[in-house]
Protein backbone atom coordinates (compact mmCIF):
# COMPACT_ATOMS: atom_id res chain seq x y z
CA MET A 1 5.50 -50.92 -1.56
CA ARG A 2 5.50 -52.66 -4.92
CA VAL A 3 5.78 -50.97 -8.32
CA MET A 4 4.24 -52.27 -11.53
CA SER A 5 4.59 -50.76 -14.99
CA ILE A 6 2.17 -51.38 -17.85
CA TYR A 7 4.41 -50.97 -20.85
CA ASN A 8 4.86 -51.61 -24.54
CA MET A 9 6.85 -49.79 -27.21
CA LYS A 10 3.79 -50.01 -29.43
CA GLY A 11 0.61 -48.00 -28.91
CA GLY A 12 -2.94 -49.29 -29.22
CA VAL A 13 -2.35 -52.57 -27.37
CA GLY A 14 -4.50 -51.90 -24.31
CA LYS A 15 -1.93 -50.47 -21.89
CA THR A 16 -4.13 -47.77 -20.40
CA ALA A 17 -7.25 -49.93 -20.15
CA THR A 18 -5.14 -52.48 -18.29
CA ALA A 19 -3.56 -49.89 -16.00
CA VAL A 20 -6.96 -48.40 -15.12
CA ASN A 21 -8.72 -51.71 -14.48
CA LEU A 22 -5.87 -53.34 -12.54
CA SER A 23 -5.42 -50.23 -10.41
CA TYR A 24 -9.12 -50.29 -9.60
CA LEU A 25 -9.02 -53.99 -8.73
CA ALA A 26 -5.93 -53.52 -6.56
CA ALA A 27 -7.68 -50.76 -4.62
CA ALA A 28 -10.88 -52.80 -4.36
CA SER A 29 -8.85 -55.65 -2.85
CA GLY A 30 -7.75 -53.31 -0.05
CA ARG A 31 -4.36 -52.27 -1.43
CA ARG A 32 -3.59 -48.56 -1.16
CA THR A 33 -2.94 -47.82 -4.81
CA LEU A 34 -1.50 -44.93 -6.80
CA ILE A 35 -1.59 -44.82 -10.59
CA TRP A 36 0.85 -42.40 -12.21
CA ASP A 37 -0.28 -41.39 -15.69
CA LEU A 38 3.06 -40.84 -17.43
CA ASP A 39 1.59 -40.56 -20.92
CA PRO A 40 1.24 -36.90 -21.99
CA GLN A 41 -1.98 -37.89 -23.81
CA GLY A 42 -3.53 -38.33 -20.35
CA ALA A 43 -5.93 -41.20 -21.03
CA SER A 44 -5.81 -42.64 -17.50
CA SER A 45 -6.43 -39.18 -16.08
CA PHE A 46 -9.41 -38.81 -18.41
CA TYR A 47 -10.88 -42.17 -17.40
CA PHE A 48 -10.67 -41.20 -13.73
CA ARG A 49 -12.20 -37.76 -14.36
CA VAL A 50 -9.07 -35.89 -13.31
CA LYS A 51 -7.72 -32.91 -15.22
CA PRO A 52 -4.40 -33.81 -16.94
CA LYS A 53 -2.47 -30.95 -15.42
CA VAL A 54 0.43 -30.92 -12.95
CA LYS A 55 1.51 -27.69 -11.29
CA GLY A 56 5.06 -26.94 -12.36
CA GLY A 57 5.05 -29.75 -14.92
CA GLY A 58 7.41 -32.66 -15.27
CA LYS A 59 10.54 -30.49 -15.12
CA LYS A 60 9.99 -29.56 -11.48
CA ILE A 61 9.16 -33.17 -10.59
CA VAL A 62 12.41 -34.51 -12.04
CA ARG A 63 14.48 -31.78 -10.41
CA GLY A 64 12.90 -32.49 -7.03
CA LYS A 65 11.28 -29.05 -6.79
CA SER A 66 7.75 -30.46 -6.58
CA ASP A 67 6.54 -32.66 -3.74
CA LEU A 68 4.69 -35.61 -5.26
CA ASP A 69 2.30 -35.64 -2.30
CA ASP A 70 1.05 -32.20 -3.31
CA LEU A 71 0.40 -33.31 -6.91
CA ILE A 72 -1.56 -36.48 -6.17
CA LYS A 73 -5.32 -36.37 -6.66
CA GLY A 74 -8.04 -38.60 -5.28
CA THR A 75 -10.35 -40.59 -7.55
CA ASP A 76 -14.00 -41.55 -7.06
CA PHE A 77 -12.90 -44.90 -5.65
CA PRO A 78 -11.62 -45.81 -2.16
CA ASN A 79 -7.89 -46.60 -1.79
CA LEU A 80 -7.18 -45.29 -5.28
CA ASP A 81 -5.29 -42.07 -6.06
CA ILE A 82 -3.79 -40.72 -9.26
CA LEU A 83 -0.82 -38.59 -10.16
CA PRO A 84 -2.22 -36.97 -13.32
CA ALA A 85 -0.63 -36.61 -16.70
CA ASP A 86 0.70 -33.31 -17.97
CA PHE A 87 1.50 -32.30 -21.53
CA SER A 88 5.00 -31.38 -20.36
CA TYR A 89 5.68 -35.09 -19.82
CA ARG A 90 6.53 -35.22 -23.52
CA GLU A 91 9.87 -33.68 -22.48
CA LEU A 92 10.62 -36.06 -19.61
CA ASP A 93 13.29 -37.80 -21.67
CA LEU A 94 15.24 -34.54 -21.81
CA GLN A 95 14.75 -33.91 -18.11
CA PHE A 96 15.91 -37.39 -17.12
CA ALA A 97 18.88 -37.28 -19.50
CA ASP A 98 20.86 -35.28 -16.95
CA SER A 99 19.67 -37.36 -13.98
CA LYS A 100 21.07 -40.41 -12.29
CA GLN A 101 19.87 -43.81 -13.48
CA SER A 102 17.68 -44.36 -10.43
CA ARG A 103 16.11 -40.89 -10.26
CA MET A 104 12.54 -42.16 -10.72
CA LYS A 105 13.05 -44.72 -7.99
CA LYS A 106 14.21 -41.99 -5.62
CA LEU A 107 11.26 -39.78 -6.54
CA ILE A 108 8.71 -42.37 -5.45
CA ALA A 109 10.64 -43.62 -2.41
CA PRO A 110 8.91 -41.18 0.01
CA LEU A 111 5.55 -42.73 -0.92
CA ARG A 112 6.47 -46.19 0.38
CA HIS A 113 4.58 -45.69 3.65
CA GLU A 114 1.47 -44.30 1.94
CA TYR A 115 0.87 -46.90 -0.78
CA ASP A 116 1.03 -50.64 -1.19
CA LEU A 117 1.18 -50.43 -4.98
CA ILE A 118 2.23 -47.86 -7.56
CA VAL A 119 1.15 -48.45 -11.16
CA PHE A 120 2.94 -46.64 -13.98
CA ASP A 121 0.81 -46.12 -17.09
CA CYS A 122 3.68 -45.73 -19.56
CA PRO A 123 3.84 -43.92 -22.90
CA PRO A 124 4.54 -46.05 -26.00
CA SER A 125 8.24 -45.44 -26.50
CA ILE A 126 11.65 -46.73 -25.55
CA SER A 127 13.76 -43.95 -24.16
CA GLU A 128 15.51 -42.47 -21.14
CA LEU A 129 12.13 -42.33 -19.39
CA SER A 130 11.66 -46.04 -20.13
CA GLN A 131 14.99 -46.83 -18.48
CA GLN A 132 13.99 -44.84 -15.41
CA ILE A 133 10.69 -46.71 -15.25
CA PHE A 134 12.35 -50.11 -15.63
CA ARG A 135 14.81 -49.43 -12.80
CA ALA A 136 12.05 -48.21 -10.50
CA SER A 137 9.72 -51.18 -11.11
CA ASP A 138 9.37 -54.63 -9.63
CA LEU A 139 7.15 -55.97 -12.41
CA LEU A 140 6.95 -55.01 -16.08
CA LEU A 141 3.59 -56.11 -17.49
CA VAL A 142 3.57 -56.14 -21.30
CA PRO A 143 0.26 -56.44 -23.18
CA LEU A 144 0.59 -58.22 -26.51
CA LEU A 145 -1.69 -58.50 -29.49
CA PRO A 146 -1.98 -61.99 -31.01
CA SER A 147 0.24 -61.16 -33.97
CA THR A 148 3.77 -61.80 -35.20
CA LEU A 149 4.70 -58.11 -35.12
CA SER A 150 3.68 -57.89 -31.47
CA ILE A 151 6.06 -60.73 -30.59
CA ARG A 152 8.81 -58.97 -32.52
CA THR A 153 8.24 -55.90 -30.35
CA LEU A 154 8.52 -58.05 -27.23
CA GLU A 155 11.86 -59.39 -28.44
CA GLN A 156 13.09 -55.81 -28.90
CA ILE A 157 12.06 -54.97 -25.32
CA GLN A 158 13.85 -58.04 -23.99
CA ALA A 159 16.98 -57.18 -25.98
CA PHE A 160 16.94 -53.64 -24.62
CA LEU A 161 16.63 -54.83 -21.01
CA LYS A 162 19.56 -57.19 -21.55
CA LYS A 163 21.67 -54.50 -23.18
CA GLU A 164 21.01 -52.03 -20.36
CA ARG A 165 21.58 -54.77 -17.75
CA VAL A 166 18.21 -54.29 -16.08
CA THR A 167 18.25 -57.47 -14.03
CA ARG A 168 16.09 -56.78 -10.98
CA LEU A 169 12.88 -56.64 -12.95
CA GLU A 170 10.33 -59.37 -13.56
CA LEU A 171 8.77 -59.25 -17.03
CA ARG A 172 5.38 -60.82 -17.66
CA THR A 173 3.22 -60.80 -20.78
CA PHE A 174 -0.45 -61.33 -21.49
CA PHE A 175 -2.63 -61.11 -24.57
CA SER A 176 -5.01 -58.23 -25.15
CA MET A 177 -7.80 -57.71 -27.69
CA VAL A 178 -8.13 -61.41 -28.37
CA ASP A 179 -10.92 -62.41 -30.75
CA ARG A 180 -11.44 -66.11 -30.09
CA ARG A 181 -13.77 -66.35 -33.08
CA LYS A 182 -10.63 -66.11 -35.22
CA THR A 183 -8.75 -69.36 -35.63
CA MET A 184 -5.47 -67.49 -36.05
CA HIS A 185 -5.93 -65.70 -32.72
CA ARG A 186 -6.74 -68.92 -30.87
CA GLU A 187 -3.81 -70.82 -32.34
CA PHE A 188 -1.39 -67.94 -31.79
CA VAL A 189 -2.38 -67.55 -28.13
CA GLU A 190 -2.16 -71.27 -27.40
CA GLU A 191 1.22 -71.73 -29.12
CA PHE A 192 2.80 -68.70 -27.44
CA ALA A 193 1.48 -69.65 -23.99
CA ALA A 194 2.90 -73.14 -24.37
CA ASN A 195 6.38 -71.84 -25.15
CA SER A 196 6.80 -68.87 -22.79
CA LYS A 197 7.58 -69.12 -19.09
CA GLN A 198 6.96 -65.38 -18.66
CA HIS A 199 3.40 -65.46 -19.97
CA LEU A 200 0.28 -65.01 -17.84
CA THR A 201 -2.60 -67.09 -19.11
CA ALA A 202 -5.36 -64.56 -18.45
CA GLY A 203 -6.17 -62.85 -21.76
CA ILE A 204 -8.37 -59.83 -22.39
CA PRO A 205 -10.98 -60.36 -25.12
CA TYR A 206 -11.76 -57.81 -27.80
CA SER A 207 -14.97 -56.19 -26.61
CA SER A 208 -17.04 -53.07 -27.13
CA ALA A 209 -17.43 -52.91 -23.34
CA VAL A 210 -13.77 -51.85 -23.04
CA GLU A 211 -14.28 -49.21 -25.72
CA LYS A 212 -17.17 -47.78 -23.67
CA MET A 213 -14.71 -46.77 -20.96
CA GLY A 214 -14.26 -43.53 -22.88
CA LEU A 215 -17.97 -42.78 -22.56
CA GLU A 216 -18.36 -43.99 -18.98
CA ARG A 217 -15.03 -42.55 -17.79
CA ARG A 218 -14.53 -45.35 -15.30
CA PRO A 219 -13.10 -48.90 -15.28
CA VAL A 220 -15.05 -51.55 -17.17
CA VAL A 221 -14.86 -53.80 -14.09
CA GLU A 222 -16.85 -51.13 -12.26
CA PHE A 223 -19.60 -50.25 -14.77
CA ALA A 224 -19.92 -53.69 -16.43
CA PRO A 225 -18.81 -56.16 -13.74
CA ARG A 226 -20.44 -59.18 -15.40
CA SER A 227 -18.92 -58.62 -18.83
CA ALA A 228 -16.32 -60.93 -20.36
CA PRO A 229 -13.48 -58.37 -20.19
CA SER A 230 -14.26 -57.70 -16.51
CA ALA A 231 -13.91 -61.39 -15.72
CA ALA A 232 -10.66 -61.43 -17.71
CA TYR A 233 -9.23 -58.41 -15.89
CA ARG A 234 -10.10 -59.99 -12.53
CA ALA A 235 -8.30 -63.18 -13.58
CA LEU A 236 -5.33 -61.12 -14.74
CA TRP A 237 -5.22 -59.20 -11.46
CA ASP A 238 -5.20 -62.47 -9.48
CA GLN A 239 -2.18 -63.63 -11.47
CA VAL A 240 -0.41 -60.26 -11.22
CA ALA A 241 -1.01 -60.05 -7.46
CA SER A 242 0.58 -63.47 -7.00
CA GLU A 243 3.64 -62.19 -8.85
CA LEU A 244 3.91 -59.04 -6.76
CA TRP A 245 3.33 -60.49 -3.29
């Protein structure tokens, strides 16, 4: 079983859209996939038409009083399940504060025979929960906007991983919401890609098709398979899969 986290300290960079579409593509490729919606806002749960509610809340999960198997829900798509969000997840930092560093890793360990891939859709923060996620993951996938401030955020993430000595984690970046009509976007993407060994070249274009996910409540690669962002997500999945396996 492999574990991938879609993460950024900053919100509004396309984390959830990426988590939803890559999870769908992983399942469509035959991988038994679970997406865990860790954001109390519950966007991934909404997109997959699952109520953002977990019996007992995050407190019971962290304390080992809830069996994850009993909390997992099916989606409308083969090979793809979801562990929904819950508003109580906003307190997960407090719950994990008294736990061992690898508590999250131990929580998902019993699922290793049921799934090929677990995808964490992470909230936009850097916290105790973030540390738990980092230590439980094989790959940290960081969506970036083509802007200087976005790169600054990446540097903060890298500094945090170094400070906390999180070494058994591969970090990869990609650009999201790229408008290639803008010269600044094109130049920024090309310069960054040329100077980063951690960067995946597949970039997600800015598109109204992605915004329609909220209306369709399903992945864009499913309801608009011929669109530009769908092609980009498929290219991104191919690159991510080669990193994971």
